[in-house]
Protein backbone atom coordinates (compact mmCIF):
# COMPACT_ATOMS: atom_id res chain seq x y z
CA MET A 1 -7.11 26.47 -24.05
CA ALA A 2 -5.79 27.04 -27.58
CA VAL A 3 -8.43 29.72 -28.16
CA THR A 4 -7.39 31.54 -24.98
CA ALA A 5 -3.73 31.46 -26.00
CA SER A 6 -4.55 32.73 -29.50
CA LEU A 7 -6.64 35.54 -28.05
CA LEU A 8 -3.79 36.54 -25.78
CA LEU A 9 -1.38 36.58 -28.70
CA SER A 10 -3.75 38.70 -30.82
CA LEU A 11 -4.03 41.27 -28.03
CA LEU A 12 -0.30 41.51 -27.51
CA THR A 13 0.74 41.47 -31.18
CA PRO A 14 -0.04 45.20 -31.74
CA MET A 15 2.21 45.98 -28.81
CA LEU A 16 5.14 44.48 -30.67
CA ALA A 17 4.83 47.13 -33.38
CA HIS A 18 5.65 49.85 -30.85
CA TYR A 19 8.94 48.26 -29.87
CA THR A 20 11.98 48.78 -32.05
CA THR A 21 14.69 46.94 -30.16
CA ARG A 22 15.15 43.20 -30.18
CA LEU A 23 15.40 43.19 -26.41
CA ALA A 24 11.96 44.72 -25.98
CA LYS A 25 10.40 42.27 -28.44
CA ALA A 26 12.07 39.35 -26.73
CA LEU A 27 10.74 40.58 -23.39
CA VAL A 28 7.17 40.69 -24.67
CA ARG A 29 7.49 37.23 -26.21
CA THR A 30 8.73 35.93 -22.86
CA VAL A 31 5.69 37.41 -21.12
CA VAL A 32 3.39 35.79 -23.66
CA ALA A 33 5.06 32.39 -23.26
CA ALA A 34 4.89 32.60 -19.46
CA SER A 35 1.19 33.51 -19.61
CA VAL A 36 0.41 30.55 -21.86
CA LEU A 37 2.38 28.26 -19.54
CA LEU A 38 0.40 29.47 -16.53
CA LEU A 39 -2.84 28.78 -18.39
CA LEU A 40 -1.75 25.24 -19.16
CA MET A 41 -0.53 24.35 -15.68
CA PRO A 42 -3.93 23.66 -14.02
CA THR A 43 -4.95 21.26 -16.79
CA THR A 44 -1.64 19.40 -16.57
CA ALA A 45 -1.81 19.10 -12.79
CA SER A 46 -5.37 17.83 -12.99
CA ALA A 47 -4.45 15.22 -15.58
CA GLN A 48 -1.57 13.98 -13.41
CA ASN A 49 -3.95 13.41 -10.48
CA ASP A 50 -6.37 11.25 -12.48
CA ILE A 51 -6.53 7.53 -11.70
CA LYS A 52 -7.04 4.79 -14.26
CA ILE A 53 -10.08 2.57 -13.96
CA ARG A 54 -7.81 -0.48 -13.73
CA ASP A 55 -6.49 0.84 -10.41
CA LEU A 56 -9.99 1.34 -8.97
CA THR A 57 -11.76 -1.85 -10.09
CA SER A 58 -11.30 -5.54 -10.67
CA ALA A 59 -13.07 -7.79 -13.16
CA GLU A 60 -15.85 -10.02 -11.91
CA GLY A 61 -14.56 -13.48 -11.12
CA ALA A 62 -10.91 -12.36 -11.09
CA LEU A 63 -10.46 -13.24 -7.43
CA PRO A 64 -6.85 -13.42 -6.25
CA VAL A 65 -5.59 -16.85 -5.29
CA ARG A 66 -4.15 -17.16 -1.81
CA LEU A 67 -1.39 -19.68 -1.24
CA VAL A 68 0.10 -21.01 1.97
CA GLY A 69 2.88 -23.39 2.93
CA TYR A 70 4.97 -24.64 5.84
CA GLY A 71 8.74 -24.35 5.52
CA LEU A 72 12.06 -23.79 7.21
CA ALA A 73 14.23 -20.68 7.42
CA VAL A 74 17.88 -21.70 7.53
CA GLY A 75 21.16 -19.85 7.92
CA LEU A 76 20.13 -17.84 10.97
CA ASP A 77 22.77 -16.44 13.30
CA ASN A 78 21.92 -18.43 16.45
CA THR A 79 18.46 -16.82 16.54
CA GLY A 80 16.32 -19.79 15.44
CA ASP A 81 13.84 -21.97 17.32
CA ARG A 82 14.83 -23.22 20.74
CA ALA A 83 13.95 -26.58 22.25
CA ILE A 84 10.26 -26.88 23.18
CA GLY A 85 9.55 -27.90 26.77
CA GLY A 86 13.22 -28.61 27.41
CA GLN A 87 13.24 -31.43 24.86
CA THR A 88 15.40 -31.76 21.77
CA GLY A 89 12.44 -32.94 19.70
CA GLY A 90 9.72 -30.85 18.17
CA PRO A 91 8.22 -29.90 14.80
CA THR A 92 11.32 -27.98 13.69
CA VAL A 93 13.66 -30.87 14.50
CA GLN A 94 11.33 -33.36 12.82
CA SER A 95 11.13 -31.17 9.72
CA VAL A 96 14.92 -31.05 9.47
CA ILE A 97 15.11 -34.83 9.86
CA ASN A 98 12.54 -35.31 7.07
CA ILE A 99 14.53 -33.03 4.74
CA LEU A 100 17.80 -34.84 5.47
CA ARG A 101 16.16 -38.18 4.74
CA ARG A 102 15.36 -36.97 1.22
CA PHE A 103 19.12 -36.71 0.70
CA ASN A 104 19.72 -40.15 2.31
CA VAL A 105 21.15 -38.62 5.48
CA GLU A 106 20.15 -40.05 8.87
CA VAL A 107 20.88 -38.01 12.00
CA PRO A 108 19.55 -38.83 15.49
CA ALA A 109 17.15 -36.24 16.85
CA ASP A 110 19.15 -35.73 20.06
CA LEU A 111 22.20 -34.61 18.04
CA ILE A 112 20.42 -31.83 16.15
CA ARG A 113 20.51 -28.29 17.47
CA MET A 114 18.10 -25.84 15.88
CA ARG A 115 19.53 -22.44 16.77
CA ASN A 116 20.17 -21.69 13.09
CA VAL A 117 16.79 -22.99 11.83
CA ALA A 118 13.23 -21.74 12.35
CA ALA A 119 9.85 -23.13 11.39
CA VAL A 120 7.95 -20.56 9.32
CA LEU A 121 4.60 -20.08 7.65
CA VAL A 122 4.80 -18.87 4.04
CA THR A 123 1.84 -16.96 2.54
CA ALA A 124 1.23 -15.28 -0.80
CA GLU A 125 -1.52 -13.80 -2.97
CA VAL A 126 -1.31 -14.13 -6.76
CA SER A 127 -3.42 -12.99 -9.68
CA PRO A 128 -5.61 -15.65 -11.35
CA PHE A 129 -4.17 -14.52 -14.69
CA LEU A 130 -0.58 -15.40 -13.72
CA ARG A 131 0.79 -18.24 -15.88
CA ALA A 132 3.10 -21.08 -14.93
CA GLY A 133 6.62 -19.74 -14.47
CA GLY A 134 5.46 -16.36 -13.23
CA ARG A 135 7.05 -14.95 -10.08
CA PHE A 136 5.40 -13.25 -7.11
CA GLU A 137 6.19 -11.97 -3.63
CA VAL A 138 5.86 -14.18 -0.56
CA GLN A 139 5.57 -13.33 3.13
CA VAL A 140 7.42 -15.37 5.76
CA SER A 141 6.41 -15.47 9.44
CA SER A 142 7.97 -17.38 12.32
CA MET A 143 5.82 -20.10 13.92
CA GLY A 144 8.09 -20.97 16.84
CA ASP A 145 10.12 -19.00 19.35
CA ALA A 146 12.82 -17.76 16.98
CA ARG A 147 14.17 -14.35 17.98
CA SER A 148 14.99 -13.12 14.47
CA LEU A 149 14.82 -14.20 10.83
CA ARG A 150 17.42 -11.66 9.73
CA GLY A 151 20.00 -13.01 7.33
CA GLY A 152 18.13 -16.28 6.81
CA THR A 153 17.17 -18.14 3.64
CA LEU A 154 13.86 -19.86 3.04
CA PHE A 155 14.32 -23.51 2.08
CA MET A 156 12.24 -24.59 -0.93
CA THR A 157 8.64 -24.67 0.29
CA PRO A 158 5.60 -26.03 -1.63
CA LEU A 159 2.59 -23.68 -1.66
CA VAL A 160 -1.01 -24.86 -1.87
CA ALA A 161 -4.39 -23.14 -2.16
CA ASP A 162 -6.14 -25.92 -0.25
CA PRO A 163 -4.46 -27.90 2.57
CA ASN A 164 -5.64 -31.11 0.89
CA GLY A 165 -4.86 -29.94 -2.65
CA PRO A 166 -1.78 -30.39 -4.83
CA PRO A 167 1.08 -27.85 -4.73
CA LEU A 168 0.50 -24.98 -7.16
CA ALA A 169 3.72 -23.07 -6.54
CA SER A 170 6.97 -23.11 -4.60
CA ALA A 171 8.93 -20.48 -2.70
CA GLN A 172 12.55 -20.01 -1.69
CA GLY A 173 15.19 -17.29 -1.43
CA SER A 174 16.86 -14.80 0.89
CA MET A 175 14.51 -13.07 3.30
CA LEU A 176 14.32 -9.30 3.67
CA ILE A 177 13.33 -7.57 6.89
CA SER A 178 12.06 -3.99 6.98
CA GLN A 179 14.22 -1.72 9.10
CA GLY A 180 11.23 0.37 10.12
CA GLY A 181 11.95 3.21 12.48
CA SER A 182 14.99 3.71 14.66
CA THR A 183 15.59 0.81 17.05
CA THR A 184 15.16 1.97 20.63
CA ARG A 185 13.86 0.43 23.81
CA TYR A 186 10.53 2.08 22.94
CA GLN A 187 10.39 0.89 19.32
CA PRO A 188 12.20 -2.44 18.85
CA THR A 189 12.59 -3.62 15.27
CA HIS A 190 10.19 -6.44 14.38
CA GLU A 191 12.34 -9.29 13.04
CA THR A 192 10.12 -12.39 13.15
CA ALA A 193 8.41 -11.58 9.84
CA ALA A 194 10.09 -11.11 6.46
CA ARG A 195 9.36 -11.07 2.75
CA ILE A 196 10.94 -12.36 -0.47
CA PRO A 197 10.06 -10.00 -3.37
CA THR A 198 10.32 -12.59 -6.19
CA GLY A 199 10.63 -15.74 -4.10
CA GLY A 200 7.48 -17.47 -5.36
CA VAL A 201 7.22 -19.32 -8.68
CA LEU A 202 3.91 -20.56 -10.06
CA GLU A 203 4.25 -24.16 -11.24
CA ALA A 204 0.75 -24.79 -12.63
CA ASP A 205 -1.77 -22.65 -14.52
CA LEU A 206 -4.68 -21.37 -12.44
CA PRO A 207 -8.34 -21.40 -13.54
CA ARG A 208 -8.86 -18.08 -15.33
CA PRO A 209 -12.15 -16.18 -15.78
CA THR A 210 -13.38 -15.51 -19.30
CA ILE A 211 -14.32 -12.11 -20.72
CA ALA A 212 -18.03 -12.18 -21.54
CA ALA A 213 -20.15 -9.69 -23.50
CA ASN A 214 -21.59 -8.51 -20.19
CA SER A 215 -18.82 -7.91 -17.68
CA ARG A 216 -18.96 -6.30 -14.27
CA LEU A 217 -16.31 -3.98 -12.91
CA LEU A 218 -16.20 -4.35 -9.15
CA LEU A 219 -14.98 -1.32 -7.21
CA ARG A 220 -12.24 -2.14 -4.75
CA GLU A 221 -13.63 0.56 -2.48
CA PRO A 222 -17.40 0.90 -3.09
CA ASP A 223 -18.50 4.49 -3.60
CA LEU A 224 -21.49 5.73 -5.60
CA GLY A 225 -19.76 8.88 -6.84
CA THR A 226 -16.77 6.91 -8.11
CA ALA A 227 -19.07 4.39 -9.81
CA MET A 228 -20.94 7.21 -11.57
CA ARG A 229 -17.70 8.76 -12.84
CA ILE A 230 -16.49 5.38 -14.11
CA ALA A 231 -19.74 4.82 -16.03
CA THR A 232 -19.63 8.34 -17.47
CA ALA A 233 -16.04 7.88 -18.68
CA ILE A 234 -16.87 4.53 -20.30
CA ASN A 235 -19.98 5.86 -22.03
CA GLY A 236 -18.03 8.85 -23.34
CA ALA A 237 -15.35 6.63 -24.86
CA MET A 238 -17.36 3.59 -25.96
CA GLY A 239 -20.82 4.98 -26.60
CA GLU A 240 -23.98 5.61 -24.60
CA LYS A 241 -25.50 2.78 -22.53
CA THR A 242 -22.25 0.82 -22.61
CA ALA A 243 -21.91 1.12 -18.84
CA THR A 244 -24.60 1.31 -16.17
CA VAL A 245 -24.22 1.65 -12.41
CA GLU A 246 -25.81 -1.27 -10.57
CA ASP A 247 -24.89 -0.19 -7.06
CA GLU A 248 -22.06 1.46 -5.14
CA GLY A 249 -19.68 -1.40 -5.82
CA SER A 250 -20.57 -2.56 -9.33
CA VAL A 251 -20.61 -1.14 -12.87
CA MET A 252 -22.09 -3.34 -15.62
CA VAL A 253 -20.33 -3.09 -19.00
CA THR A 254 -22.26 -4.33 -22.06
CA LEU A 255 -20.14 -4.74 -25.19
CA PRO A 256 -21.55 -5.25 -28.70
CA ASP A 257 -20.72 -8.43 -30.59
CA SER A 258 -18.90 -6.43 -33.28
CA VAL A 259 -15.97 -5.49 -31.01
CA GLN A 260 -13.14 -7.62 -29.71
CA LYS A 261 -13.80 -8.13 -26.02
CA PRO A 262 -10.18 -8.14 -24.75
CA VAL A 263 -9.28 -5.03 -26.75
CA ALA A 264 -12.39 -3.18 -25.60
CA MET A 265 -11.89 -4.08 -21.94
CA ALA A 266 -8.23 -3.06 -22.13
CA LYS A 267 -9.27 0.32 -23.52
CA ILE A 268 -11.91 0.73 -20.80
CA ARG A 269 -9.47 -0.12 -18.01
CA ASP A 270 -7.00 2.46 -19.36
CA LEU A 271 -9.53 5.28 -19.06
CA ALA A 272 -8.78 7.80 -16.30
CA ILE A 273 -11.15 9.61 -13.96
CA ALA A 274 -10.75 12.22 -11.26
CA PRO A 275 -10.33 10.43 -7.92
CA GLU A 276 -12.64 10.82 -4.96
CA ALA A 277 -10.75 12.75 -2.28
CA ARG A 278 -11.05 10.88 1.02
CA PRO A 279 -9.37 12.18 4.16
CA ARG A 280 -7.40 9.31 5.65
CA ILE A 281 -4.66 8.83 8.19
CA ILE A 282 -2.68 5.58 7.89
CA ILE A 283 -0.59 4.53 10.88
CA ASP A 284 1.92 1.69 10.93
CA GLY A 285 1.42 -0.10 14.23
CA ARG A 286 4.98 -1.49 14.17
CA ASP A 287 7.20 1.53 13.62
CA GLY A 288 4.79 4.44 14.16
CA THR A 289 4.89 5.79 10.59
CA VAL A 290 2.00 8.24 10.03
CA VAL A 291 0.81 9.04 6.50
CA ALA A 292 -1.85 11.73 6.08
CA GLY A 293 -3.45 12.56 2.76
CA GLY A 294 -4.17 16.21 2.04
CA ASP A 295 -3.94 19.21 4.36
CA MET A 296 -5.76 17.82 7.38
CA VAL A 297 -5.73 19.66 10.68
CA VAL A 298 -6.48 18.63 14.26
CA GLY A 299 -8.98 20.52 16.41
CA ALA A 300 -8.89 21.25 20.12
CA ALA A 301 -8.72 18.15 22.31
CA THR A 302 -6.82 16.60 25.20
CA VAL A 303 -5.74 12.97 25.22
CA SER A 304 -3.99 11.28 28.15
CA HIS A 305 -2.70 7.85 27.23
CA GLY A 306 -0.19 6.07 29.45
CA ALA A 307 2.71 8.41 30.19
CA ILE A 308 1.84 10.74 27.27
CA THR A 309 -0.55 13.68 27.49
CA LEU A 310 -1.43 15.48 24.27
CA ALA A 311 -3.11 18.87 24.67
CA ILE A 312 -4.22 20.69 21.52
CA GLY A 313 -5.64 24.21 21.74
CA ASN A 314 -6.39 26.56 24.68
CA LEU A 315 -2.74 27.48 25.22
CA ALA A 316 -1.99 30.43 27.45
CA PRO A 317 0.45 32.97 25.91
CA ASN A 318 2.85 32.69 28.87
CA ASP A 319 2.49 28.93 29.35
CA THR A 320 6.08 27.68 29.29
CA ALA A 321 5.81 24.85 31.82
CA ALA A 322 7.59 21.75 30.59
CA ILE A 323 5.95 18.61 31.97
CA PRO A 324 7.67 15.28 31.15
CA GLY A 325 5.58 13.35 28.62
CA SER A 326 3.39 16.37 27.89
CA VAL A 327 2.87 17.59 24.32
CA ARG A 328 1.13 20.96 23.92
CA LEU A 329 0.15 22.24 20.49
CA PRO A 330 -2.15 24.97 19.14
CA ALA A 331 -5.53 24.12 17.63
CA GLY A 332 -5.74 23.80 13.87
CA ILE A 333 -2.30 22.23 13.63
CA ALA A 334 -1.51 19.84 10.78
CA VAL A 335 -1.59 16.09 11.36
CA GLN A 336 2.04 15.79 10.29
CA ARG A 337 3.16 18.19 13.03
CA VAL A 338 1.21 16.26 15.67
CA ALA A 339 2.91 13.04 14.57
CA SER A 340 6.33 14.74 14.65
CA ALA A 341 5.71 16.02 18.19
CA LEU A 342 4.73 12.53 19.38
CA HIS A 343 7.84 11.03 17.78
CA ALA A 344 9.98 13.72 19.41
CA VAL A 345 9.01 12.47 22.90
CA GLN A 346 9.60 8.84 21.80
CA THR A 347 5.96 7.77 21.90
CA PRO A 348 5.63 4.03 21.11
CA ALA A 349 3.94 3.12 17.84
CA SER A 350 0.96 1.46 19.54
CA GLU A 351 0.32 4.58 21.63
CA ILE A 352 0.49 6.84 18.55
CA ALA A 353 -2.25 4.75 16.94
CA ALA A 354 -4.35 4.87 20.12
CA ILE A 355 -3.96 8.66 20.44
CA PHE A 356 -5.10 9.33 16.87
CA ALA A 357 -8.01 6.91 17.31
CA ALA A 358 -9.04 8.87 20.42
CA LEU A 359 -8.80 12.17 18.51
CA ARG A 360 -11.11 10.68 15.90
CA GLU A 361 -13.65 9.60 18.53
CA VAL A 362 -13.90 13.04 20.12
CA GLY A 363 -14.24 14.77 16.74
CA ALA A 364 -10.88 16.56 16.70
CA VAL A 365 -9.98 14.59 13.57
CA THR A 366 -12.61 13.89 10.92
CA ALA A 367 -10.39 11.70 8.74
CA GLU A 368 -10.65 7.93 8.68
CA ILE A 369 -7.99 6.26 10.86
CA ILE A 370 -6.40 3.09 9.43
CA VAL A 371 -3.91 1.18 11.60
CA ARG A 372 -1.80 -1.45 9.86
């Protein structure tokens, strides 16, 4: 790139001798600077799209630790668990009684009303390298018939990796609920699941894997092309035969005894490679959010699902008939425009996912469909 810029400057330098005014010289210098900037832009854009190896792989043995616990969400606005089977007893009532007993408070079960309390299941996934005192996000889900967890607070809940094992962490804090899309009778907001971004605290160190001379990098999404690019990048930075591809999901890294293993692995994981472009469409099954990577288009197809009929392609020039629930679009239209048209007629989130899955089955969409 520097050679190209120098060559351009050498070609334009004689032109400066023919200009006598400062304005003309400044104009030529501006043209030269703009040309050099245009030459540098593709390289910069390409570098920005590269992905580090640490984001594509995980070390062998570094399996995340999954934690679970049973707790209570308190402070609800009359939206908690109701009585089960018409009785005042139940797991939620018994849990409240057990908590009150810890504070030397005895309350009869028939005097407790649980409309502001809900029994919840607390789950989390933490890195095996997290030390005691580290914080992590927890997910909270209602186990009973509570209508909403909005505005509630999770009471301190022990978290275990094994139901018969000792508590490894605890969780508590104010619960956050995603607003999702607009709340309508077609797309009600889901309020029986919440999260606490930093609600979990690790209370004991976890067993951590060691860095050996021979370490495997496991691809989070196995792909032979990606594995080859990772090995090539490692060999270019650390020397030939440092990395070898074992299969689509594994790259073996062999480090010499003369190097410090943590430093070398940190350097390897910071290397960047060009990502493998994969056409994907991700659909949120709760609020109907559609995320499409790249400029993907939809071919001709007709899908009739429930009260919605989506017709793509084969449109007559004078076809202006407006049929309720009918969406008519030209062939070769972008995925984003199809999603916008479905949202415009208030298509439920579950039906949007089903329609795109049907388009994939008939070949109108070649991208992978992921519904979450």
